[in-house]
Amino acid sequence: MSLRRINLLPAEERQKASRERGLLYAAAILVLALAAFGGLYVLERGKATDKQTQLAEVQTQVTQVRADVDKLKPYEVMQSQRVAMAQAAQQVFDSRVVWSSIAEEISLLIPKDVGLTAFHGTVPPEMLAGSALGTVAPAGGGGSTDLSFEGEAYTHKDVADFMTRLGLMPQITDIKLVSAEKTEQDGKVIVKFQITAELRPFLQAPPFAIGAPATGQTGGTGQ
């Protein structure tokens, strides 16, 4: 025969004890929840601290890289200046007038019955490397003569032939006959002539700067 347990506490006491146990359970759950939240907080705070440390390291690296870039900026400027100077030098080289080449072509084109007694060549200001004009002027537009030929021939036909051959030179344009007169020399009749022409302008203007016209003579050096 089993014994049945009998609670001799009054009903009010039993209810009070039940409420106290409920409060204890709730307090225990609350403590556990707070402990869990505290653990999560500590964990996340640790992660945040690690992220802040990493961010600080990255910022330090960025600062160092910027400092290195600032140190290299003078070299970048020097490189830009070097490139600009090289381009200007190439433009000067491309815009020069090579008198030796012109004289050589004239010597190949001149007829055998024509002889030159004088040849004068001047580079117009707008074709000089360093011209202050800054534009390519049309041929003959400056009112000056770039090239002048003086010589002797046996006939007017020889003079005309020489002018035609000069027209084959790509560097020369606007060829004009200034004079062609027959005269007697050493018992022979010859034609003394003077021809002028203009240098053909460059397709691209030379680099700008103030410069003076250069003059070339027969067999002279390039400008």
N, C-alpha and C. Protein backbone atom coordinates (compact mmCIF):
# COMPACT_ATOMS: atom_id res chain seq x y z
N MET A 1 0.85 -1.18 0.00
CA MET A 1 0.00 0.00 0.00
C MET A 1 0.89 1.24 0.00
N SER A 2 0.67 2.11 -1.00
CA SER A 2 1.51 3.31 -1.12
C SER A 2 0.93 4.45 -0.30
N LEU A 3 1.90 5.30 0.13
CA LEU A 3 1.48 6.43 0.93
C LEU A 3 1.28 7.65 0.03
N ARG A 4 0.29 8.39 0.25
CA ARG A 4 0.01 9.60 -0.53
C ARG A 4 0.50 10.80 0.25
N ARG A 5 1.28 11.64 -0.49
CA ARG A 5 1.83 12.82 0.16
C ARG A 5 0.74 13.87 0.29
N ILE A 6 0.73 14.45 1.45
CA ILE A 6 -0.30 15.46 1.73
C ILE A 6 0.41 16.76 2.06
N ASN A 7 0.10 17.81 1.32
CA ASN A 7 0.67 19.13 1.56
C ASN A 7 -0.16 19.82 2.61
N LEU A 8 0.48 20.03 3.74
CA LEU A 8 -0.24 20.61 4.86
C LEU A 8 -0.21 22.13 4.85
N LEU A 9 0.54 22.75 3.85
CA LEU A 9 0.59 24.21 3.79
C LEU A 9 -0.75 24.76 3.35
N PRO A 10 -1.07 25.90 3.89
CA PRO A 10 -2.33 26.52 3.45
C PRO A 10 -2.27 26.85 1.96
N ALA A 11 -3.41 27.03 1.38
CA ALA A 11 -3.48 27.30 -0.07
C ALA A 11 -2.76 28.60 -0.42
N GLU A 12 -2.86 29.60 0.43
CA GLU A 12 -2.20 30.87 0.14
C GLU A 12 -0.69 30.71 0.10
N GLU A 13 -0.17 29.90 1.05
CA GLU A 13 1.27 29.68 1.09
C GLU A 13 1.73 28.91 -0.14
N ARG A 14 0.89 27.94 -0.54
CA ARG A 14 1.26 27.18 -1.73
C ARG A 14 1.29 28.08 -2.96
N GLN A 15 0.35 28.99 -3.10
CA GLN A 15 0.34 29.90 -4.24
C GLN A 15 1.54 30.84 -4.20
N LYS A 16 1.87 31.29 -2.97
CA LYS A 16 3.02 32.19 -2.83
C LYS A 16 4.31 31.48 -3.23
N ALA A 17 4.44 30.23 -2.78
CA ALA A 17 5.64 29.46 -3.13
C ALA A 17 5.72 29.23 -4.63
N SER A 18 4.54 29.01 -5.24
CA SER A 18 4.52 28.80 -6.69
C SER A 18 4.94 30.06 -7.42
N ARG A 19 4.47 31.21 -6.94
CA ARG A 19 4.86 32.47 -7.57
C ARG A 19 6.35 32.72 -7.41
N GLU A 20 6.87 32.39 -6.22
CA GLU A 20 8.30 32.61 -5.99
C GLU A 20 9.14 31.73 -6.91
N ARG A 21 8.69 30.48 -7.09
CA ARG A 21 9.43 29.61 -8.02
C ARG A 21 9.38 30.17 -9.45
N GLY A 22 8.21 30.70 -9.82
CA GLY A 22 8.09 31.30 -11.16
C GLY A 22 9.03 32.48 -11.32
N LEU A 23 9.10 33.30 -10.26
CA LEU A 23 10.01 34.44 -10.32
C LEU A 23 11.46 34.00 -10.41
N LEU A 24 11.77 32.92 -9.64
CA LEU A 24 13.15 32.41 -9.71
C LEU A 24 13.48 31.92 -11.11
N TYR A 25 12.51 31.19 -11.69
CA TYR A 25 12.74 30.70 -13.06
C TYR A 25 12.92 31.87 -14.04
N ALA A 26 12.06 32.89 -13.89
CA ALA A 26 12.16 34.05 -14.78
C ALA A 26 13.49 34.78 -14.60
N ALA A 27 13.90 34.89 -13.31
CA ALA A 27 15.18 35.56 -13.04
C ALA A 27 16.33 34.77 -13.64
N ALA A 28 16.23 33.43 -13.52
CA ALA A 28 17.29 32.58 -14.08
C ALA A 28 17.35 32.73 -15.59
N ILE A 29 16.16 32.75 -16.23
CA ILE A 29 16.12 32.92 -17.68
C ILE A 29 16.68 34.28 -18.08
N LEU A 30 16.32 35.31 -17.29
CA LEU A 30 16.81 36.65 -17.57
C LEU A 30 18.33 36.72 -17.45
N VAL A 31 18.85 36.07 -16.38
CA VAL A 31 20.30 36.05 -16.20
C VAL A 31 20.99 35.36 -17.37
N LEU A 32 20.39 34.21 -17.78
CA LEU A 32 20.97 33.50 -18.92
C LEU A 32 20.93 34.35 -20.19
N ALA A 33 19.79 35.05 -20.38
CA ALA A 33 19.67 35.90 -21.57
C ALA A 33 20.69 37.03 -21.54
N LEU A 34 20.82 37.65 -20.32
CA LEU A 34 21.80 38.72 -20.20
C LEU A 34 23.22 38.21 -20.44
N ALA A 35 23.48 37.00 -19.93
CA ALA A 35 24.81 36.43 -20.15
C ALA A 35 25.06 36.17 -21.63
N ALA A 36 23.99 35.67 -22.32
CA ALA A 36 24.13 35.42 -23.75
C ALA A 36 24.36 36.72 -24.51
N PHE A 37 23.54 37.73 -24.17
CA PHE A 37 23.72 39.03 -24.83
C PHE A 37 25.08 39.63 -24.51
N GLY A 38 25.52 39.45 -23.27
CA GLY A 38 26.84 39.96 -22.90
C GLY A 38 27.94 39.28 -23.69
N GLY A 39 27.79 37.94 -23.85
CA GLY A 39 28.79 37.23 -24.64
C GLY A 39 28.81 37.69 -26.09
N LEU A 40 27.59 37.88 -26.65
CA LEU A 40 27.52 38.37 -28.03
C LEU A 40 28.12 39.77 -28.15
N TYR A 41 27.85 40.60 -27.13
CA TYR A 41 28.40 41.96 -27.15
C TYR A 41 29.92 41.94 -27.13
N VAL A 42 30.46 41.10 -26.23
CA VAL A 42 31.92 41.01 -26.14
C VAL A 42 32.50 40.50 -27.46
N LEU A 43 31.82 39.50 -28.05
CA LEU A 43 32.30 38.94 -29.32
C LEU A 43 32.27 39.98 -30.43
N GLU A 44 31.13 40.68 -30.55
CA GLU A 44 31.02 41.70 -31.60
C GLU A 44 31.96 42.87 -31.35
N ARG A 45 32.13 43.21 -30.08
CA ARG A 45 33.06 44.30 -29.77
C ARG A 45 34.49 43.91 -30.16
N GLY A 46 34.82 42.64 -29.93
CA GLY A 46 36.14 42.17 -30.34
C GLY A 46 36.31 42.24 -31.86
N LYS A 47 35.22 41.84 -32.57
CA LYS A 47 35.28 41.92 -34.03
C LYS A 47 35.43 43.37 -34.48
N ALA A 48 34.66 44.27 -33.84
CA ALA A 48 34.74 45.68 -34.20
C ALA A 48 36.13 46.24 -33.94
N THR A 49 36.71 45.81 -32.81
CA THR A 49 38.07 46.26 -32.50
C THR A 49 39.06 45.77 -33.55
N ASP A 50 38.88 44.51 -33.97
CA ASP A 50 39.76 43.98 -35.03
C ASP A 50 39.59 44.78 -36.33
N LYS A 51 38.33 45.09 -36.66
CA LYS A 51 38.08 45.87 -37.88
C LYS A 51 38.70 47.26 -37.78
N GLN A 52 38.57 47.87 -36.61
CA GLN A 52 39.17 49.19 -36.42
C GLN A 52 40.69 49.12 -36.54
N THR A 53 41.25 48.03 -36.00
CA THR A 53 42.70 47.87 -36.12
C THR A 53 43.11 47.71 -37.58
N GLN A 54 42.34 46.89 -38.31
CA GLN A 54 42.63 46.71 -39.73
C GLN A 54 42.46 48.02 -40.50
N LEU A 55 41.40 48.78 -40.15
CA LEU A 55 41.18 50.07 -40.80
C LEU A 55 42.33 51.02 -40.54
N ALA A 56 42.80 51.03 -39.30
CA ALA A 56 43.94 51.90 -38.96
C ALA A 56 45.18 51.50 -39.74
N GLU A 57 45.39 50.19 -39.90
CA GLU A 57 46.54 49.72 -40.67
C GLU A 57 46.43 50.14 -42.14
N VAL A 58 45.20 49.98 -42.69
CA VAL A 58 44.99 50.38 -44.09
C VAL A 58 45.20 51.88 -44.26
N GLN A 59 44.68 52.68 -43.31
CA GLN A 59 44.87 54.12 -43.39
C GLN A 59 46.35 54.49 -43.31
N THR A 60 47.09 53.77 -42.48
CA THR A 60 48.53 54.01 -42.40
C THR A 60 49.21 53.69 -43.72
N GLN A 61 48.79 52.57 -44.34
CA GLN A 61 49.36 52.20 -45.63
C GLN A 61 49.01 53.24 -46.70
N VAL A 62 47.75 53.71 -46.68
CA VAL A 62 47.34 54.72 -47.65
C VAL A 62 48.16 56.00 -47.47
N THR A 63 48.35 56.39 -46.22
CA THR A 63 49.15 57.58 -45.94
C THR A 63 50.58 57.41 -46.46
N GLN A 64 51.13 56.21 -46.27
CA GLN A 64 52.49 55.95 -46.74
C GLN A 64 52.56 55.99 -48.27
N VAL A 65 51.53 55.39 -48.91
CA VAL A 65 51.50 55.40 -50.38
C VAL A 65 51.39 56.83 -50.90
N ARG A 66 50.53 57.63 -50.26
CA ARG A 66 50.40 59.03 -50.69
C ARG A 66 51.71 59.78 -50.52
N ALA A 67 52.40 59.49 -49.43
CA ALA A 67 53.70 60.14 -49.22
C ALA A 67 54.68 59.73 -50.31
N ASP A 68 54.65 58.43 -50.67
CA ASP A 68 55.54 57.96 -51.74
C ASP A 68 55.18 58.62 -53.07
N VAL A 69 53.85 58.76 -53.33
CA VAL A 69 53.41 59.40 -54.57
C VAL A 69 53.86 60.86 -54.61
N ASP A 70 53.75 61.55 -53.47
CA ASP A 70 54.19 62.94 -53.41
C ASP A 70 55.69 63.05 -53.70
N LYS A 71 56.45 62.06 -53.23
CA LYS A 71 57.89 62.08 -53.50
C LYS A 71 58.18 61.89 -54.99
N LEU A 72 57.30 61.14 -55.68
CA LEU A 72 57.52 60.85 -57.10
C LEU A 72 56.97 61.93 -58.03
N LYS A 73 56.17 62.87 -57.49
CA LYS A 73 55.57 63.89 -58.34
C LYS A 73 56.61 64.73 -59.08
N PRO A 74 57.72 65.14 -58.44
CA PRO A 74 58.73 65.89 -59.21
C PRO A 74 59.24 65.12 -60.41
N TYR A 75 59.38 63.80 -60.28
CA TYR A 75 59.84 63.00 -61.41
C TYR A 75 58.78 62.94 -62.51
N GLU A 76 57.50 62.95 -62.10
CA GLU A 76 56.42 62.98 -63.09
C GLU A 76 56.46 64.29 -63.88
N VAL A 77 56.69 65.39 -63.16
CA VAL A 77 56.80 66.69 -63.83
C VAL A 77 58.00 66.70 -64.77
N MET A 78 59.12 66.15 -64.31
CA MET A 78 60.31 66.09 -65.14
C MET A 78 60.06 65.25 -66.39
N GLN A 79 59.33 64.15 -66.23
CA GLN A 79 59.02 63.30 -67.38
C GLN A 79 58.14 64.04 -68.38
N SER A 80 57.15 64.78 -67.87
CA SER A 80 56.27 65.56 -68.75
C SER A 80 57.08 66.62 -69.49
N GLN A 81 57.99 67.27 -68.78
CA GLN A 81 58.83 68.28 -69.42
C GLN A 81 59.74 67.65 -70.47
N ARG A 82 60.26 66.47 -70.16
CA ARG A 82 61.14 65.79 -71.12
C ARG A 82 60.38 65.43 -72.39
N VAL A 83 59.14 64.93 -72.22
CA VAL A 83 58.33 64.58 -73.39
C VAL A 83 58.01 65.82 -74.21
N ALA A 84 57.66 66.92 -73.51
CA ALA A 84 57.35 68.17 -74.22
C ALA A 84 58.57 68.69 -74.97
N MET A 85 59.75 68.61 -74.34
CA MET A 85 60.97 69.07 -75.00
C MET A 85 61.31 68.19 -76.20
N ALA A 86 61.09 66.88 -76.05
CA ALA A 86 61.36 65.98 -77.17
C ALA A 86 60.43 66.27 -78.34
N GLN A 87 59.15 66.53 -78.03
CA GLN A 87 58.20 66.86 -79.09
C GLN A 87 58.56 68.18 -79.77
N ALA A 88 58.96 69.17 -78.96
CA ALA A 88 59.36 70.46 -79.54
C ALA A 88 60.60 70.30 -80.41
N ALA A 89 61.55 69.49 -79.94
CA ALA A 89 62.76 69.26 -80.73
C ALA A 89 62.43 68.58 -82.06
N GLN A 90 61.49 67.62 -82.01
CA GLN A 90 61.09 66.94 -83.24
C GLN A 90 60.40 67.90 -84.19
N GLN A 91 59.58 68.80 -83.64
CA GLN A 91 58.91 69.80 -84.48
C GLN A 91 59.91 70.75 -85.11
N VAL A 92 60.92 71.15 -84.33
CA VAL A 92 61.97 72.01 -84.88
C VAL A 92 62.71 71.29 -86.01
N PHE A 93 63.00 70.01 -85.78
CA PHE A 93 63.71 69.23 -86.79
C PHE A 93 62.87 69.10 -88.06
N ASP A 94 61.57 68.84 -87.88
CA ASP A 94 60.70 68.66 -89.05
C ASP A 94 60.45 69.96 -89.80
N SER A 95 60.57 71.11 -89.11
CA SER A 95 60.24 72.39 -89.74
C SER A 95 61.46 73.13 -90.26
N ARG A 96 62.61 72.49 -90.31
CA ARG A 96 63.80 73.17 -90.81
C ARG A 96 63.81 73.14 -92.34
N VAL A 97 64.50 74.10 -92.94
CA VAL A 97 64.72 74.12 -94.38
C VAL A 97 66.13 73.63 -94.65
N VAL A 98 66.25 72.52 -95.36
CA VAL A 98 67.56 71.91 -95.61
C VAL A 98 68.11 72.50 -96.91
N TRP A 99 68.96 73.51 -96.76
CA TRP A 99 69.50 74.18 -97.94
C TRP A 99 70.40 73.26 -98.77
N SER A 100 71.11 72.38 -98.11
CA SER A 100 71.99 71.47 -98.85
C SER A 100 71.18 70.58 -99.79
N SER A 101 70.00 70.14 -99.33
CA SER A 101 69.14 69.31 -100.17
C SER A 101 68.60 70.11 -101.35
N ILE A 102 68.19 71.36 -101.09
CA ILE A 102 67.68 72.21 -102.17
C ILE A 102 68.76 72.47 -103.20
N ALA A 103 69.98 72.79 -102.74
CA ALA A 103 71.08 73.06 -103.67
C ALA A 103 71.41 71.82 -104.49
N GLU A 104 71.35 70.65 -103.85
CA GLU A 104 71.65 69.41 -104.58
C GLU A 104 70.61 69.15 -105.66
N GLU A 105 69.34 69.38 -105.34
CA GLU A 105 68.29 69.16 -106.34
C GLU A 105 68.42 70.14 -107.50
N ILE A 106 68.77 71.39 -107.19
CA ILE A 106 68.96 72.38 -108.26
C ILE A 106 70.10 71.95 -109.18
N SER A 107 71.18 71.44 -108.58
CA SER A 107 72.32 71.02 -109.40
C SER A 107 71.96 69.85 -110.31
N LEU A 108 71.00 69.02 -109.89
CA LEU A 108 70.58 67.90 -110.72
C LEU A 108 69.58 68.31 -111.80
N LEU A 109 68.82 69.39 -111.54
CA LEU A 109 67.78 69.79 -112.48
C LEU A 109 68.24 70.83 -113.50
N ILE A 110 69.28 71.57 -113.20
CA ILE A 110 69.67 72.68 -114.07
C ILE A 110 70.13 72.16 -115.44
N PRO A 111 69.64 72.75 -116.53
CA PRO A 111 70.07 72.32 -117.87
C PRO A 111 71.57 72.55 -118.08
N LYS A 112 72.14 71.80 -119.01
CA LYS A 112 73.59 71.89 -119.22
C LYS A 112 74.00 73.22 -119.83
N ASP A 113 73.06 73.91 -120.52
CA ASP A 113 73.39 75.19 -121.15
C ASP A 113 73.02 76.37 -120.27
N VAL A 114 72.77 76.12 -119.00
CA VAL A 114 72.43 77.18 -118.05
C VAL A 114 73.43 77.14 -116.91
N GLY A 115 73.91 78.31 -116.52
CA GLY A 115 74.83 78.39 -115.39
C GLY A 115 74.39 79.46 -114.41
N LEU A 116 74.50 79.18 -113.12
CA LEU A 116 74.11 80.15 -112.09
C LEU A 116 75.33 80.95 -111.67
N THR A 117 75.13 82.25 -111.55
CA THR A 117 76.18 83.12 -111.03
C THR A 117 75.91 83.52 -109.57
N ALA A 118 74.66 83.38 -109.14
CA ALA A 118 74.32 83.71 -107.75
C ALA A 118 73.02 83.01 -107.37
N PHE A 119 72.96 82.62 -106.13
CA PHE A 119 71.74 82.01 -105.58
C PHE A 119 71.59 82.48 -104.15
N HIS A 120 70.45 83.07 -103.85
CA HIS A 120 70.18 83.57 -102.50
C HIS A 120 68.90 82.92 -101.98
N GLY A 121 68.93 82.50 -100.74
CA GLY A 121 67.75 81.91 -100.13
C GLY A 121 67.52 82.44 -98.73
N THR A 122 66.28 82.78 -98.44
CA THR A 122 65.91 83.29 -97.12
C THR A 122 64.66 82.56 -96.62
N VAL A 123 64.70 82.11 -95.39
CA VAL A 123 63.53 81.47 -94.80
C VAL A 123 62.59 82.55 -94.27
N PRO A 124 61.35 82.60 -94.74
CA PRO A 124 60.42 83.62 -94.23
C PRO A 124 60.11 83.39 -92.76
N PRO A 125 59.77 84.46 -92.02
CA PRO A 125 59.55 84.34 -90.57
C PRO A 125 58.52 83.28 -90.20
N GLU A 126 57.44 83.16 -91.00
CA GLU A 126 56.39 82.22 -90.63
C GLU A 126 56.81 80.77 -90.78
N MET A 127 57.96 80.52 -91.43
CA MET A 127 58.45 79.15 -91.59
C MET A 127 59.60 78.83 -90.64
N LEU A 128 60.00 79.80 -89.83
CA LEU A 128 61.10 79.57 -88.90
C LEU A 128 60.62 78.80 -87.68
N ALA A 129 61.42 77.86 -87.21
CA ALA A 129 61.16 77.22 -85.93
C ALA A 129 61.42 78.26 -84.86
N GLY A 130 60.35 78.75 -84.25
CA GLY A 130 60.50 79.86 -83.32
C GLY A 130 59.82 81.10 -83.84
N SER A 131 58.96 80.95 -84.86
CA SER A 131 58.28 82.11 -85.40
C SER A 131 57.25 82.63 -84.41
N ALA A 132 57.17 83.95 -84.30
CA ALA A 132 56.18 84.56 -83.42
C ALA A 132 54.83 84.70 -84.10
N LEU A 133 54.77 84.42 -85.41
CA LEU A 133 53.52 84.60 -86.14
C LEU A 133 52.53 83.51 -85.80
N GLY A 134 53.02 82.28 -85.72
CA GLY A 134 52.16 81.19 -85.28
C GLY A 134 51.19 80.69 -86.32
N THR A 135 51.31 81.11 -87.58
CA THR A 135 50.42 80.63 -88.62
C THR A 135 51.22 80.31 -89.86
N VAL A 136 50.66 79.46 -90.69
CA VAL A 136 51.31 79.13 -91.95
C VAL A 136 50.79 80.09 -93.01
N ALA A 137 51.66 80.94 -93.53
CA ALA A 137 51.25 81.93 -94.51
C ALA A 137 51.20 81.31 -95.89
N PRO A 138 50.29 81.77 -96.76
CA PRO A 138 50.26 81.26 -98.12
C PRO A 138 51.48 81.68 -98.89
N ALA A 139 51.80 80.91 -99.93
CA ALA A 139 52.98 81.20 -100.72
C ALA A 139 52.88 82.59 -101.32
N GLY A 140 53.98 83.36 -101.21
CA GLY A 140 54.00 84.70 -101.78
C GLY A 140 53.17 85.69 -101.02
N GLY A 141 52.60 85.30 -99.88
CA GLY A 141 51.70 86.20 -99.17
C GLY A 141 52.42 87.23 -98.35
N GLY A 142 53.72 87.06 -98.10
CA GLY A 142 54.42 88.00 -97.24
C GLY A 142 55.01 89.17 -97.98
N GLY A 143 54.95 89.20 -99.34
CA GLY A 143 55.49 90.31 -100.09
C GLY A 143 57.00 90.26 -100.20
N SER A 144 57.66 89.21 -99.77
CA SER A 144 59.11 89.09 -99.85
C SER A 144 59.46 87.94 -100.76
N THR A 145 60.73 87.90 -101.17
CA THR A 145 61.22 86.84 -102.05
C THR A 145 62.07 85.88 -101.25
N ASP A 146 61.71 84.61 -101.29
CA ASP A 146 62.46 83.61 -100.54
C ASP A 146 63.71 83.15 -101.30
N LEU A 147 63.58 82.94 -102.60
CA LEU A 147 64.68 82.42 -103.41
C LEU A 147 64.92 83.34 -104.60
N SER A 148 66.19 83.51 -104.92
CA SER A 148 66.57 84.33 -106.08
C SER A 148 67.69 83.62 -106.83
N PHE A 149 67.48 83.45 -108.15
CA PHE A 149 68.48 82.81 -109.01
C PHE A 149 68.96 83.83 -110.04
N GLU A 150 70.25 83.97 -110.16
CA GLU A 150 70.84 84.80 -111.21
C GLU A 150 71.81 83.94 -112.00
N GLY A 151 71.74 84.06 -113.33
CA GLY A 151 72.61 83.20 -114.13
C GLY A 151 72.65 83.59 -115.58
N GLU A 152 73.25 82.71 -116.37
CA GLU A 152 73.43 82.95 -117.80
C GLU A 152 73.00 81.71 -118.57
N ALA A 153 72.47 81.94 -119.76
CA ALA A 153 72.07 80.85 -120.65
C ALA A 153 72.32 81.29 -122.08
N TYR A 154 72.27 80.34 -122.99
CA TYR A 154 72.50 80.67 -124.39
C TYR A 154 71.25 81.25 -125.05
N THR A 155 70.08 80.75 -124.65
CA THR A 155 68.84 81.20 -125.27
C THR A 155 67.76 81.38 -124.21
N HIS A 156 66.70 82.09 -124.64
CA HIS A 156 65.55 82.23 -123.74
C HIS A 156 64.88 80.88 -123.49
N LYS A 157 64.97 80.01 -124.48
CA LYS A 157 64.38 78.67 -124.30
C LYS A 157 65.07 77.93 -123.16
N ASP A 158 66.38 78.10 -123.04
CA ASP A 158 67.10 77.46 -121.94
C ASP A 158 66.62 78.00 -120.58
N VAL A 159 66.35 79.29 -120.53
CA VAL A 159 65.84 79.89 -119.29
C VAL A 159 64.47 79.32 -118.96
N ALA A 160 63.60 79.23 -119.98
CA ALA A 160 62.27 78.67 -119.76
C ALA A 160 62.35 77.22 -119.31
N ASP A 161 63.29 76.48 -119.91
CA ASP A 161 63.47 75.08 -119.52
C ASP A 161 63.90 74.98 -118.05
N PHE A 162 64.78 75.89 -117.63
CA PHE A 162 65.23 75.89 -116.24
C PHE A 162 64.07 76.18 -115.29
N MET A 163 63.21 77.13 -115.65
CA MET A 163 62.06 77.46 -114.81
C MET A 163 61.10 76.27 -114.72
N THR A 164 60.92 75.58 -115.84
CA THR A 164 60.04 74.40 -115.82
C THR A 164 60.58 73.33 -114.88
N ARG A 165 61.89 73.14 -114.92
CA ARG A 165 62.49 72.12 -114.06
C ARG A 165 62.43 72.53 -112.58
N LEU A 166 62.56 73.82 -112.32
CA LEU A 166 62.41 74.27 -110.93
C LEU A 166 61.02 73.95 -110.40
N GLY A 167 60.03 73.98 -111.30
CA GLY A 167 58.67 73.67 -110.88
C GLY A 167 58.48 72.23 -110.45
N LEU A 168 59.46 71.37 -110.76
CA LEU A 168 59.38 69.97 -110.33
C LEU A 168 59.80 69.78 -108.88
N MET A 169 60.43 70.79 -108.30
CA MET A 169 60.89 70.68 -106.92
C MET A 169 59.72 70.90 -105.96
N PRO A 170 59.47 69.96 -105.05
CA PRO A 170 58.32 70.11 -104.14
C PRO A 170 58.48 71.24 -103.13
N GLN A 171 59.73 71.69 -102.90
CA GLN A 171 59.94 72.73 -101.89
C GLN A 171 59.69 74.14 -102.44
N ILE A 172 59.54 74.28 -103.77
CA ILE A 172 59.50 75.60 -104.40
C ILE A 172 58.14 75.81 -105.06
N THR A 173 57.67 77.05 -105.00
CA THR A 173 56.42 77.42 -105.67
C THR A 173 56.51 78.88 -106.12
N ASP A 174 55.53 79.31 -106.90
CA ASP A 174 55.43 80.70 -107.35
C ASP A 174 56.72 81.17 -108.04
N ILE A 175 57.13 80.44 -109.05
CA ILE A 175 58.36 80.75 -109.79
C ILE A 175 58.07 81.86 -110.80
N LYS A 176 58.90 82.91 -110.77
CA LYS A 176 58.67 84.07 -111.63
C LYS A 176 59.98 84.48 -112.32
N LEU A 177 59.84 84.93 -113.56
CA LEU A 177 60.98 85.47 -114.30
C LEU A 177 61.00 86.98 -114.10
N VAL A 178 62.06 87.47 -113.47
CA VAL A 178 62.19 88.91 -113.21
C VAL A 178 62.77 89.62 -114.43
N SER A 179 63.80 89.03 -115.01
CA SER A 179 64.43 89.63 -116.20
C SER A 179 65.16 88.57 -116.99
N ALA A 180 65.27 88.80 -118.30
CA ALA A 180 66.03 87.92 -119.18
C ALA A 180 66.46 88.78 -120.38
N GLU A 181 67.70 89.20 -120.39
CA GLU A 181 68.19 90.12 -121.42
C GLU A 181 69.39 89.52 -122.14
N LYS A 182 69.35 89.70 -123.46
CA LYS A 182 70.48 89.25 -124.26
C LYS A 182 71.61 90.26 -124.15
N THR A 183 72.82 89.74 -124.09
CA THR A 183 74.00 90.60 -124.03
C THR A 183 75.17 89.86 -124.66
N GLU A 184 76.16 90.61 -125.06
CA GLU A 184 77.33 90.00 -125.70
C GLU A 184 78.46 89.95 -124.70
N GLN A 185 79.07 88.78 -124.62
CA GLN A 185 80.16 88.58 -123.67
C GLN A 185 81.21 87.68 -124.31
N ASP A 186 82.42 88.18 -124.38
CA ASP A 186 83.53 87.45 -125.00
C ASP A 186 83.19 87.03 -126.43
N GLY A 187 82.52 87.92 -127.14
CA GLY A 187 82.18 87.64 -128.52
C GLY A 187 81.02 86.70 -128.70
N LYS A 188 80.32 86.33 -127.60
CA LYS A 188 79.17 85.43 -127.69
C LYS A 188 77.93 86.13 -127.15
N VAL A 189 76.81 85.82 -127.76
CA VAL A 189 75.53 86.36 -127.29
C VAL A 189 74.95 85.41 -126.25
N ILE A 190 74.72 85.93 -125.07
CA ILE A 190 74.16 85.12 -123.99
C ILE A 190 72.94 85.84 -123.41
N VAL A 191 72.19 85.11 -122.62
CA VAL A 191 71.02 85.67 -121.94
C VAL A 191 71.29 85.68 -120.44
N LYS A 192 71.31 86.87 -119.88
CA LYS A 192 71.43 86.99 -118.42
C LYS A 192 70.03 87.08 -117.83
N PHE A 193 69.79 86.28 -116.81
CA PHE A 193 68.42 86.21 -116.28
C PHE A 193 68.43 86.30 -114.76
N GLN A 194 67.26 86.63 -114.26
CA GLN A 194 67.01 86.58 -112.81
C GLN A 194 65.64 85.96 -112.59
N ILE A 195 65.58 84.96 -111.73
CA ILE A 195 64.34 84.24 -111.42
C ILE A 195 64.13 84.28 -109.91
N THR A 196 62.90 84.46 -109.51
CA THR A 196 62.57 84.41 -108.08
C THR A 196 61.56 83.29 -107.84
N ALA A 197 61.51 82.82 -106.61
CA ALA A 197 60.55 81.77 -106.23
C ALA A 197 60.31 81.86 -104.73
N GLU A 198 59.29 81.16 -104.29
CA GLU A 198 58.95 81.12 -102.87
C GLU A 198 59.09 79.70 -102.34
N LEU A 199 59.46 79.60 -101.09
CA LEU A 199 59.47 78.29 -100.44
C LEU A 199 58.04 77.87 -100.13
N ARG A 200 57.74 76.61 -100.39
CA ARG A 200 56.39 76.12 -100.12
C ARG A 200 56.19 76.02 -98.60
N PRO A 201 55.11 76.62 -98.08
CA PRO A 201 54.90 76.60 -96.62
C PRO A 201 54.74 75.18 -96.09
N PHE A 202 55.09 75.01 -94.82
CA PHE A 202 54.90 73.72 -94.17
C PHE A 202 53.41 73.44 -93.99
N LEU A 203 53.07 72.16 -93.96
CA LEU A 203 51.68 71.79 -93.69
C LEU A 203 51.30 72.10 -92.26
N GLN A 204 52.29 72.10 -91.37
CA GLN A 204 52.04 72.40 -89.96
C GLN A 204 52.99 73.50 -89.53
N ALA A 205 52.46 74.48 -88.81
CA ALA A 205 53.29 75.60 -88.37
C ALA A 205 54.39 75.12 -87.44
N PRO A 206 55.58 75.72 -87.51
CA PRO A 206 56.67 75.33 -86.61
C PRO A 206 56.40 75.78 -85.19
N PRO A 207 57.16 75.26 -84.22
CA PRO A 207 56.98 75.69 -82.82
C PRO A 207 57.15 77.20 -82.67
N PHE A 208 56.40 77.78 -81.73
CA PHE A 208 56.36 79.23 -81.61
C PHE A 208 57.45 79.74 -80.67
N ALA A 209 58.07 80.83 -81.08
CA ALA A 209 59.01 81.61 -80.29
C ALA A 209 59.52 82.68 -81.23
N ILE A 210 60.08 83.72 -80.68
CA ILE A 210 60.53 84.82 -81.53
C ILE A 210 61.88 84.45 -82.14
N GLY A 211 61.99 84.61 -83.44
CA GLY A 211 63.24 84.31 -84.12
C GLY A 211 63.43 85.23 -85.31
N ALA A 212 64.65 85.32 -85.80
CA ALA A 212 64.96 86.17 -86.95
C ALA A 212 65.09 85.32 -88.19
N PRO A 213 64.79 85.87 -89.38
CA PRO A 213 64.94 85.10 -90.62
C PRO A 213 66.37 84.65 -90.81
N ALA A 214 66.51 83.44 -91.36
CA ALA A 214 67.84 82.90 -91.64
C ALA A 214 68.08 82.94 -93.13
N THR A 215 69.31 83.17 -93.53
CA THR A 215 69.66 83.29 -94.94
C THR A 215 70.61 82.18 -95.32
N GLY A 216 70.34 81.56 -96.48
CA GLY A 216 71.21 80.49 -96.96
C GLY A 216 71.84 80.87 -98.27
N GLN A 217 73.04 80.41 -98.53
CA GLN A 217 73.75 80.62 -99.78
C GLN A 217 73.94 79.27 -100.45
N THR A 218 74.42 79.30 -101.68
CA THR A 218 74.64 78.06 -102.42
C THR A 218 75.58 77.16 -101.64
N GLY A 219 75.14 75.91 -101.47
CA GLY A 219 75.96 74.96 -100.73
C GLY A 219 75.92 75.18 -99.24
N GLY A 220 74.95 76.01 -98.74
CA GLY A 220 74.90 76.31 -97.31
C GLY A 220 74.34 75.16 -96.52
N THR A 221 74.35 75.33 -95.22
CA THR A 221 73.85 74.29 -94.32
C THR A 221 72.37 74.45 -94.14
N GLY A 222 71.72 73.42 -93.59
CA GLY A 222 70.27 73.44 -93.38
C GLY A 222 69.90 74.40 -92.28
N GLN A 223 68.71 74.94 -92.39
CA GLN A 223 68.18 75.84 -91.37
C GLN A 223 67.21 75.10 -90.50
